[in-house]
Amino acid sequence: MAIDTLALARTMQRIAAAIDAQCRPAGAVRHAYDAAPFGTACVCVSPGEESQFASSNHNRIYVCGTEGGLTREGLAQLCGMFEAAGVGRFFVWLTPGPGMESVRGWLAEAGMARNPHVTYPTLARPAGVPEPVSGDVEVRELAEEGAAQTLASVDGASWRDFRRSVGAPGFSHYVAYEGGRPIGSAALQVHDDVGHLCMAFTAEPDRRRGAQQALIARRMEAGTARGCRILVSETLSFLKSSLGNLRRAGFAPVYDKEVYNSRPEY
């Protein structure tokens, strides 16, 4: 199945904005645009979430090239929101669209640089029933009324967004068990006809037991049953196990997000 890269990039931008709406702290401020000079940008300003790592710093601008009429001046105004909020570090997430070279040039002029040591691939595949997964891992959908007790037994900062999104419209949550003990979790976010496999987490002592393979299969099955046409997931290039699990399930890279750091010297 041919995938329209720009259409997928725009959908993933809206999906990211929906996650920010559910998972960021109360003090976060979000903006969405659909006209010049800001184009189709989405912005999240979240003081207090200023990690040096792009994947855990939610002060972000999402743009699909110059799609929707983004201009140099518009991008500069978007970047200025973070200084006005007292945020020292933010990232621009650039996904495929028109005018990519122009946007890269504007970011360079602003002193921003692309993260050099990691890439951020987006992978997709047509919806469909997965191959059976062997092993002793059982996957259960997490009911909202039982979530607190289940989540209380698991620790880890990576569960934060998972916890906050339980019960949110469009999200379904799954927990992998081995011998009755939770060892991993993941979520499915459905937006129109796209099923987004997200928020995967397995505690370090429980890795390589098949939890994520089982969770991928269950979410593929659920997304297909809910009418999704495309299934998509995002990861980091250095997470070889995550990439391997997705590839084994039939996912293939569609594009890499380009991530630019406002403070590349630090």
C-alpha atoms as a PDB file:
ATOM      1  CA  MET A   1       0.000   0.000   0.000  1.00  0.00           C
ATOM      2  CA  ALA A   2       1.372   3.402  -0.988  1.00  0.00           C
ATOM      3  CA  ILE A   3       1.504   5.850   1.905  1.00  0.00           C
ATOM      4  CA  ASP A   4       1.113   9.596   1.334  1.00  0.00           C
ATOM      5  CA  THR A   5       4.060  10.876   3.361  1.00  0.00           C
ATOM      6  CA  LEU A   6       2.783  14.433   3.783  1.00  0.00           C
ATOM      7  CA  ALA A   7      -0.705  13.275   4.760  1.00  0.00           C
ATOM      8  CA  LEU A   8       0.784  10.892   7.328  1.00  0.00           C
ATOM      9  CA  ALA A   9       3.106  13.598   8.682  1.00  0.00           C
ATOM     10  CA  ARG A  10       0.165  15.981   9.162  1.00  0.00           C
ATOM     11  CA  THR A  11      -1.872  13.258  10.863  1.00  0.00           C
ATOM     12  CA  MET A  12       1.031  12.441  13.181  1.00  0.00           C
ATOM     13  CA  GLN A  13       1.295  16.126  14.053  1.00  0.00           C
ATOM     14  CA  ARG A  14      -2.360  16.136  15.109  1.00  0.00           C
ATOM     15  CA  ILE A  15      -1.813  12.889  17.008  1.00  0.00           C
ATOM     16  CA  ALA A  16       1.122  14.438  18.899  1.00  0.00           C
ATOM     17  CA  ALA A  17      -1.024  17.454  19.753  1.00  0.00           C
ATOM     18  CA  ALA A  18      -3.731  15.145  21.123  1.00  0.00           C
ATOM     19  CA  ILE A  19      -1.171  13.397  23.347  1.00  0.00           C
ATOM     20  CA  ASP A  20       0.047  16.778  24.624  1.00  0.00           C
ATOM     21  CA  ALA A  21      -3.556  17.758  25.382  1.00  0.00           C
ATOM     22  CA  GLN A  22      -4.013  14.713  27.611  1.00  0.00           C
ATOM     23  CA  CYS A  23      -0.578  14.188  29.098  1.00  0.00           C
ATOM     24  CA  ARG A  24       1.095  17.518  29.786  1.00  0.00           C
ATOM     25  CA  PRO A  25       0.883  19.159  33.237  1.00  0.00           C
ATOM     26  CA  ALA A  26      -1.802  21.707  33.986  1.00  0.00           C
ATOM     27  CA  GLY A  27       0.584  24.608  33.397  1.00  0.00           C
ATOM     28  CA  ALA A  28       1.367  23.642  29.804  1.00  0.00           C
ATOM     29  CA  VAL A  29       0.110  25.925  27.034  1.00  0.00           C
ATOM     30  CA  ARG A  30      -0.737  24.550  23.600  1.00  0.00           C
ATOM     31  CA  HIS A  31      -1.377  26.319  20.303  1.00  0.00           C
ATOM     32  CA  ALA A  32      -2.473  25.029  16.885  1.00  0.00           C
ATOM     33  CA  TYR A  33      -2.387  27.029  13.663  1.00  0.00           C
ATOM     34  CA  ASP A  34      -3.599  26.528  10.128  1.00  0.00           C
ATOM     35  CA  ALA A  35      -2.659  29.674   8.206  1.00  0.00           C
ATOM     36  CA  ALA A  36       0.225  31.993   7.417  1.00  0.00           C
ATOM     37  CA  PRO A  37       2.521  33.096   8.924  1.00  0.00           C
ATOM     38  CA  PHE A  38       2.563  30.009  11.216  1.00  0.00           C
ATOM     39  CA  GLY A  39       1.446  27.404   8.703  1.00  0.00           C
ATOM     40  CA  THR A  40       0.085  24.195  10.221  1.00  0.00           C
ATOM     41  CA  ALA A  41       2.328  24.409  13.272  1.00  0.00           C
ATOM     42  CA  CYS A  42       1.449  22.935  16.654  1.00  0.00           C
ATOM     43  CA  VAL A  43       3.227  24.311  19.732  1.00  0.00           C
ATOM     44  CA  CYS A  44       3.496  23.029  23.290  1.00  0.00           C
ATOM     45  CA  VAL A  45       5.064  25.277  25.948  1.00  0.00           C
ATOM     46  CA  SER A  46       5.555  23.243  29.121  1.00  0.00           C
ATOM     47  CA  PRO A  47       7.773  24.919  31.745  1.00  0.00           C
ATOM     48  CA  GLY A  48       9.364  22.346  34.003  1.00  0.00           C
ATOM     49  CA  GLU A  49       9.733  19.749  31.236  1.00  0.00           C
ATOM     50  CA  GLU A  50      13.047  21.029  29.884  1.00  0.00           C
ATOM     51  CA  SER A  51      15.148  17.891  29.590  1.00  0.00           C
ATOM     52  CA  GLN A  52      18.230  18.017  27.384  1.00  0.00           C
ATOM     53  CA  PHE A  53      16.770  15.005  25.545  1.00  0.00           C
ATOM     54  CA  ALA A  54      14.247  15.789  22.833  1.00  0.00           C
ATOM     55  CA  SER A  55      12.114  12.714  23.504  1.00  0.00           C
ATOM     56  CA  SER A  56      11.439  13.799  27.091  1.00  0.00           C
ATOM     57  CA  ASN A  57      11.389  17.580  26.626  1.00  0.00           C
ATOM     58  CA  HIS A  58       7.856  18.563  25.708  1.00  0.00           C
ATOM     59  CA  ASN A  59       8.647  22.170  24.843  1.00  0.00           C
ATOM     60  CA  ARG A  60       8.193  21.667  21.126  1.00  0.00           C
ATOM     61  CA  ILE A  61       7.164  23.103  17.803  1.00  0.00           C
ATOM     62  CA  TYR A  62       5.812  20.659  15.219  1.00  0.00           C
ATOM     63  CA  VAL A  63       5.929  21.762  11.563  1.00  0.00           C
ATOM     64  CA  CYS A  64       5.510  19.949   8.238  1.00  0.00           C
ATOM     65  CA  GLY A  65       7.892  22.074   6.205  1.00  0.00           C
ATOM     66  CA  THR A  66       6.194  25.302   5.131  1.00  0.00           C
ATOM     67  CA  GLU A  67       2.826  23.539   4.802  1.00  0.00           C
ATOM     68  CA  GLY A  68      -0.021  26.003   5.368  1.00  0.00           C
ATOM     69  CA  GLY A  69       2.107  29.092   4.774  1.00  0.00           C
ATOM     70  CA  LEU A  70       4.853  29.005   7.422  1.00  0.00           C
ATOM     71  CA  THR A  71       7.259  31.925   6.976  1.00  0.00           C
ATOM     72  CA  ARG A  72      10.624  32.873   8.464  1.00  0.00           C
ATOM     73  CA  GLU A  73       8.951  35.560  10.554  1.00  0.00           C
ATOM     74  CA  GLY A  74       6.231  33.172  11.681  1.00  0.00           C
ATOM     75  CA  LEU A  75       8.759  30.592  12.803  1.00  0.00           C
ATOM     76  CA  ALA A  76      10.678  33.280  14.699  1.00  0.00           C
ATOM     77  CA  GLN A  77       7.488  34.290  16.521  1.00  0.00           C
ATOM     78  CA  LEU A  78       6.778  30.680  17.453  1.00  0.00           C
ATOM     79  CA  CYS A  79      10.303  30.309  18.851  1.00  0.00           C
ATOM     80  CA  GLY A  80       9.828  33.542  20.794  1.00  0.00           C
ATOM     81  CA  MET A  81       7.004  31.972  22.797  1.00  0.00           C
ATOM     82  CA  PHE A  82       9.504  29.905  24.751  1.00  0.00           C
ATOM     83  CA  GLU A  83      11.712  32.827  25.717  1.00  0.00           C
ATOM     84  CA  ALA A  84       8.604  34.723  26.807  1.00  0.00           C
ATOM     85  CA  ALA A  85       7.653  31.763  29.027  1.00  0.00           C
ATOM     86  CA  GLY A  86      11.126  31.518  30.542  1.00  0.00           C
ATOM     87  CA  VAL A  87      11.864  28.188  28.860  1.00  0.00           C
ATOM     88  CA  GLY A  88      15.579  27.743  28.208  1.00  0.00           C
ATOM     89  CA  ARG A  89      15.526  24.751  25.883  1.00  0.00           C
ATOM     90  CA  PHE A  90      12.993  23.680  23.293  1.00  0.00           C
ATOM     91  CA  PHE A  91      12.994  21.600  20.112  1.00  0.00           C
ATOM     92  CA  VAL A  92      11.593  21.978  16.623  1.00  0.00           C
ATOM     93  CA  TRP A  93      10.278  18.717  15.161  1.00  0.00           C
ATOM     94  CA  LEU A  94      10.364  19.011  11.370  1.00  0.00           C
ATOM     95  CA  THR A  95       8.491  16.397   9.339  1.00  0.00           C
ATOM     96  CA  PRO A  96       8.119  16.079   5.551  1.00  0.00           C
ATOM     97  CA  GLY A  97       6.402  18.892   3.711  1.00  0.00           C
ATOM     98  CA  PRO A  98       7.066  21.610   1.147  1.00  0.00           C
ATOM     99  CA  GLY A  99       9.948  24.047   1.561  1.00  0.00           C
ATOM    100  CA  MET A 100      12.091  21.788   3.743  1.00  0.00           C
ATOM    101  CA  GLU A 101      15.330  23.490   2.722  1.00  0.00           C
ATOM    102  CA  SER A 102      13.879  26.892   3.575  1.00  0.00           C
ATOM    103  CA  VAL A 103      12.883  25.748   7.064  1.00  0.00           C
ATOM    104  CA  ARG A 104      16.295  24.167   7.642  1.00  0.00           C
ATOM    105  CA  GLY A 105      17.892  27.464   6.671  1.00  0.00           C
ATOM    106  CA  TRP A 106      15.688  29.482   9.017  1.00  0.00           C
ATOM    107  CA  LEU A 107      16.506  27.146  11.890  1.00  0.00           C
ATOM    108  CA  ALA A 108      20.236  27.462  11.189  1.00  0.00           C
ATOM    109  CA  GLU A 109      19.927  31.248  11.098  1.00  0.00           C
ATOM    110  CA  ALA A 110      18.268  31.062  14.524  1.00  0.00           C
ATOM    111  CA  GLY A 111      21.265  29.131  15.911  1.00  0.00           C
ATOM    112  CA  MET A 112      19.446  25.807  16.105  1.00  0.00           C
ATOM    113  CA  ALA A 113      21.118  22.550  15.084  1.00  0.00           C
ATOM    114  CA  ARG A 114      19.780  19.102  14.295  1.00  0.00           C
ATOM    115  CA  ASN A 115      20.397  16.414  16.898  1.00  0.00           C
ATOM    116  CA  PRO A 116      23.464  14.626  15.514  1.00  0.00           C
ATOM    117  CA  HIS A 117      23.551  11.249  17.250  1.00  0.00           C
ATOM    118  CA  VAL A 118      20.021   9.913  17.005  1.00  0.00           C
ATOM    119  CA  THR A 119      17.267   9.723  14.424  1.00  0.00           C
ATOM    120  CA  TYR A 120      13.537   9.558  15.019  1.00  0.00           C
ATOM    121  CA  PRO A 121      11.962   7.135  12.525  1.00  0.00           C
ATOM    122  CA  THR A 122       8.242   6.880  11.867  1.00  0.00           C
ATOM    123  CA  LEU A 123       7.211   3.388  10.750  1.00  0.00           C
ATOM    124  CA  ALA A 124       3.919   2.234   9.278  1.00  0.00           C
ATOM    125  CA  ARG A 125       2.128  -0.720   7.762  1.00  0.00           C
ATOM    126  CA  PRO A 126      -1.345  -1.515   6.463  1.00  0.00           C
ATOM    127  CA  ALA A 127      -3.797  -2.648   9.094  1.00  0.00           C
ATOM    128  CA  GLY A 128      -4.287  -6.375   9.375  1.00  0.00           C
ATOM    129  CA  VAL A 129      -4.445  -9.303  11.763  1.00  0.00           C
ATOM    130  CA  PRO A 130      -0.963 -10.094  13.113  1.00  0.00           C
ATOM    131  CA  GLU A 131       0.764 -13.439  13.175  1.00  0.00           C
ATOM    132  CA  PRO A 132       0.251 -15.304  16.470  1.00  0.00           C
ATOM    133  CA  VAL A 133       2.870 -14.516  19.116  1.00  0.00           C
ATOM    134  CA  SER A 134       4.244 -17.458  21.036  1.00  0.00           C
ATOM    135  CA  GLY A 135       5.215 -17.321  24.695  1.00  0.00           C
ATOM    136  CA  ASP A 136       3.734 -17.086  28.160  1.00  0.00           C
ATOM    137  CA  VAL A 137       2.880 -13.377  28.085  1.00  0.00           C
ATOM    138  CA  GLU A 138      -0.787 -12.490  28.455  1.00  0.00           C
ATOM    139  CA  VAL A 139      -2.045  -9.067  27.310  1.00  0.00           C
ATOM    140  CA  ARG A 140      -5.124  -7.509  28.871  1.00  0.00           C
ATOM    141  CA  GLU A 141      -6.845  -4.252  28.011  1.00  0.00           C
ATOM    142  CA  LEU A 142      -6.747  -1.941  31.004  1.00  0.00           C
ATOM    143  CA  ALA A 143     -10.176  -0.985  32.301  1.00  0.00           C
ATOM    144  CA  GLU A 144     -10.346   2.548  33.640  1.00  0.00           C
ATOM    145  CA  GLU A 145     -11.920   1.442  36.912  1.00  0.00           C
ATOM    146  CA  GLY A 146      -9.053  -0.954  37.588  1.00  0.00           C
ATOM    147  CA  ALA A 147      -6.242   1.236  36.380  1.00  0.00           C
ATOM    148  CA  ALA A 148      -5.169   2.725  39.705  1.00  0.00           C
ATOM    149  CA  GLN A 149      -4.509  -0.631  41.340  1.00  0.00           C
ATOM    150  CA  THR A 150      -2.597  -1.989  38.326  1.00  0.00           C
ATOM    151  CA  LEU A 151      -0.488   1.108  37.830  1.00  0.00           C
ATOM    152  CA  ALA A 152       0.327   1.348  41.544  1.00  0.00           C
ATOM    153  CA  SER A 153       2.328  -1.855  41.177  1.00  0.00           C
ATOM    154  CA  VAL A 154       4.629  -0.376  38.552  1.00  0.00           C
ATOM    155  CA  ASP A 155       7.167   2.406  38.958  1.00  0.00           C
ATOM    156  CA  GLY A 156       9.021   4.441  36.357  1.00  0.00           C
ATOM    157  CA  ALA A 157       8.873   7.894  34.788  1.00  0.00           C
ATOM    158  CA  SER A 158       8.090   6.366  31.398  1.00  0.00           C
ATOM    159  CA  TRP A 159       4.655   5.434  32.709  1.00  0.00           C
ATOM    160  CA  ARG A 160       3.726   9.084  33.292  1.00  0.00           C
ATOM    161  CA  ASP A 161       1.994   9.751  29.970  1.00  0.00           C
ATOM    162  CA  PHE A 162       0.422   6.297  30.016  1.00  0.00           C
ATOM    163  CA  ARG A 163      -1.135   7.031  33.404  1.00  0.00           C
ATOM    164  CA  ARG A 164      -2.362  10.497  32.439  1.00  0.00           C
ATOM    165  CA  SER A 165      -4.048   9.299  29.254  1.00  0.00           C
ATOM    166  CA  VAL A 166      -6.050   6.465  30.838  1.00  0.00           C
ATOM    167  CA  GLY A 167      -9.705   7.155  30.074  1.00  0.00           C
ATOM    168  CA  ALA A 168      -8.972   9.831  27.458  1.00  0.00           C
ATOM    169  CA  PRO A 169     -11.024   9.782  24.245  1.00  0.00           C
ATOM    170  CA  GLY A 170      -9.335   7.840  21.451  1.00  0.00           C
ATOM    171  CA  PHE A 171      -6.896   5.981  23.734  1.00  0.00           C
ATOM    172  CA  SER A 172      -6.872   2.326  24.758  1.00  0.00           C
ATOM    173  CA  HIS A 173      -4.335   0.910  27.194  1.00  0.00           C
ATOM    174  CA  TYR A 174      -2.861  -2.546  27.504  1.00  0.00           C
ATOM    175  CA  VAL A 175      -0.744  -4.338  30.103  1.00  0.00           C
ATOM    176  CA  ALA A 176       1.369  -7.438  29.515  1.00  0.00           C
ATOM    177  CA  TYR A 177       1.472 -10.006  32.325  1.00  0.00           C
ATOM    178  CA  GLU A 178       3.760 -12.903  33.037  1.00  0.00           C
ATOM    179  CA  GLY A 179       2.617 -15.238  35.764  1.00  0.00           C
ATOM    180  CA  GLY A 180       0.002 -12.704  36.816  1.00  0.00           C
ATOM    181  CA  ARG A 181       2.590  -9.936  37.280  1.00  0.00           C
ATOM    182  CA  PRO A 182       2.557  -6.812  35.046  1.00  0.00           C
ATOM    183  CA  ILE A 183       5.819  -6.557  33.090  1.00  0.00           C
ATOM    184  CA  GLY A 184       5.033  -4.079  30.314  1.00  0.00           C
ATOM    185  CA  SER A 185       2.503  -1.631  28.972  1.00  0.00           C
ATOM    186  CA  ALA A 186       1.551   0.211  25.803  1.00  0.00           C
ATOM    187  CA  ALA A 187      -1.277   2.282  24.364  1.00  0.00           C
ATOM    188  CA  LEU A 188      -3.241   2.517  21.126  1.00  0.00           C
ATOM    189  CA  GLN A 189      -4.403   5.932  19.950  1.00  0.00           C
ATOM    190  CA  VAL A 190      -6.953   5.960  17.119  1.00  0.00           C
ATOM    191  CA  HIS A 191      -7.275   9.109  15.009  1.00  0.00           C
ATOM    192  CA  ASP A 192      -9.598   8.873  11.996  1.00  0.00           C
ATOM    193  CA  ASP A 193      -8.331   5.784  10.128  1.00  0.00           C
ATOM    194  CA  VAL A 194      -4.840   5.744  11.663  1.00  0.00           C
ATOM    195  CA  GLY A 195      -3.932   3.565  14.639  1.00  0.00           C
ATOM    196  CA  HIS A 196      -0.942   4.916  16.567  1.00  0.00           C
ATOM    197  CA  LEU A 197       0.981   2.379  18.664  1.00  0.00           C
ATOM    198  CA  CYS A 198       2.521   4.459  21.432  1.00  0.00           C
ATOM    199  CA  MET A 199       3.737   4.711  25.045  1.00  0.00           C
ATOM    200  CA  ALA A 200       5.493   1.344  25.070  1.00  0.00           C
ATOM    201  CA  PHE A 201       7.344   0.599  28.296  1.00  0.00           C
ATOM    202  CA  THR A 202       8.985  -2.459  29.817  1.00  0.00           C
ATOM    203  CA  ALA A 203      10.946  -2.291  33.052  1.00  0.00           C
ATOM    204  CA  GLU A 204      14.633  -3.160  32.623  1.00  0.00           C
ATOM    205  CA  PRO A 205      14.528  -6.475  34.584  1.00  0.00           C
ATOM    206  CA  ASP A 206      11.589  -7.702  32.482  1.00  0.00           C
ATOM    207  CA  ARG A 207      12.933  -7.005  29.003  1.00  0.00           C
ATOM    208  CA  ARG A 208      13.492  -9.709  26.363  1.00  0.00           C
ATOM    209  CA  ARG A 209      10.544 -11.733  27.604  1.00  0.00           C
ATOM    210  CA  GLY A 210       8.269 -10.945  24.661  1.00  0.00           C
ATOM    211  CA  ALA A 211       6.107  -8.311  26.349  1.00  0.00           C
ATOM    212  CA  GLN A 212       6.353  -5.730  23.585  1.00  0.00           C
ATOM    213  CA  GLN A 213       5.922  -8.225  20.760  1.00  0.00           C
ATOM    214  CA  ALA A 214       2.702  -9.365  22.423  1.00  0.00           C
ATOM    215  CA  LEU A 215       1.582  -5.769  22.995  1.00  0.00           C
ATOM    216  CA  ILE A 216       2.267  -4.850  19.351  1.00  0.00           C
ATOM    217  CA  ALA A 217       0.202  -7.818  18.164  1.00  0.00           C
ATOM    218  CA  ARG A 218      -2.714  -7.002  20.462  1.00  0.00           C
ATOM    219  CA  ARG A 219      -2.799  -3.351  19.389  1.00  0.00           C
ATOM    220  CA  MET A 220      -2.584  -4.297  15.707  1.00  0.00           C
ATOM    221  CA  GLU A 221      -5.587  -6.538  16.213  1.00  0.00           C
ATOM    222  CA  ALA A 222      -7.502  -3.831  18.105  1.00  0.00           C
ATOM    223  CA  GLY A 223      -6.690  -1.078  15.594  1.00  0.00           C
ATOM    224  CA  THR A 224      -7.774  -3.258  12.682  1.00  0.00           C
ATOM    225  CA  ALA A 225     -11.029  -4.139  14.452  1.00  0.00           C
ATOM    226  CA  ARG A 226     -11.706  -0.422  14.982  1.00  0.00           C
ATOM    227  CA  GLY A 227     -11.486   0.354  11.295  1.00  0.00           C
ATOM    228  CA  CYS A 228      -7.951   1.693  11.043  1.00  0.00           C
ATOM    229  CA  ARG A 229      -6.476   1.638   7.545  1.00  0.00           C
ATOM    230  CA  ILE A 230      -2.893   2.347   8.605  1.00  0.00           C
ATOM    231  CA  LEU A 231      -0.990   1.399  11.743  1.00  0.00           C
ATOM    232  CA  VAL A 232       1.942   3.601  12.701  1.00  0.00           C
ATOM    233  CA  SER A 233       4.553   3.815  15.439  1.00  0.00           C
ATOM    234  CA  GLU A 234       7.495   6.045  16.299  1.00  0.00           C
ATOM    235  CA  THR A 235      10.755   5.161  18.001  1.00  0.00           C
ATOM    236  CA  LEU A 236      14.406   6.171  18.370  1.00  0.00           C
ATOM    237  CA  SER A 237      17.174   4.818  16.177  1.00  0.00           C
ATOM    238  CA  PHE A 238      19.230   3.560  19.128  1.00  0.00           C
ATOM    239  CA  LEU A 239      16.334   1.487  20.481  1.00  0.00           C
ATOM    240  CA  LYS A 240      17.307  -1.547  18.430  1.00  0.00           C
ATOM    241  CA  SER A 241      14.930  -3.879  20.232  1.00  0.00           C
ATOM    242  CA  SER A 242      11.965  -1.575  19.552  1.00  0.00           C
ATOM    243  CA  LEU A 243      12.898  -1.254  15.895  1.00  0.00           C
ATOM    244  CA  GLY A 244      13.341  -5.003  15.604  1.00  0.00           C
ATOM    245  CA  ASN A 245       9.957  -5.747  17.177  1.00  0.00           C
ATOM    246  CA  LEU A 246       8.196  -3.336  14.820  1.00  0.00           C
ATOM    247  CA  ARG A 247       9.978  -4.669  11.732  1.00  0.00           C
ATOM    248  CA  ARG A 248       9.103  -8.239  12.665  1.00  0.00           C
ATOM    249  CA  ALA A 249       5.473  -7.133  12.848  1.00  0.00           C
ATOM    250  CA  GLY A 250       5.653  -5.779   9.292  1.00  0.00           C
ATOM    251  CA  PHE A 251       6.269  -2.095   9.992  1.00  0.00           C
ATOM    252  CA  ALA A 252       8.605  -0.253   7.607  1.00  0.00           C
ATOM    253  CA  PRO A 253      10.201   3.211   7.893  1.00  0.00           C
ATOM    254  CA  VAL A 254       8.303   5.985   6.108  1.00  0.00           C
ATOM    255  CA  TYR A 255      10.346   9.028   7.153  1.00  0.00           C
ATOM    256  CA  ASP A 256      12.667  10.368   9.840  1.00  0.00           C
ATOM    257  CA  LYS A 257      11.625  13.374  11.872  1.00  0.00           C
ATOM    258  CA  GLU A 258      14.322  16.031  11.946  1.00  0.00           C
ATOM    259  CA  VAL A 259      14.722  17.377  15.473  1.00  0.00           C
ATOM    260  CA  TYR A 260      16.441  20.728  16.085  1.00  0.00           C
ATOM    261  CA  ASN A 261      17.768  21.877  19.465  1.00  0.00           C
ATOM    262  CA  SER A 262      17.495  25.518  20.532  1.00  0.00           C
ATOM    263  CA  ARG A 263      20.649  25.099  22.678  1.00  0.00           C
ATOM    264  CA  PRO A 264      22.906  22.759  20.686  1.00  0.00           C
ATOM    265  CA  GLU A 265      26.035  23.911  22.518  1.00  0.00           C
ATOM    266  CA  TYR A 266      24.833  22.412  25.808  1.00  0.00           C
END
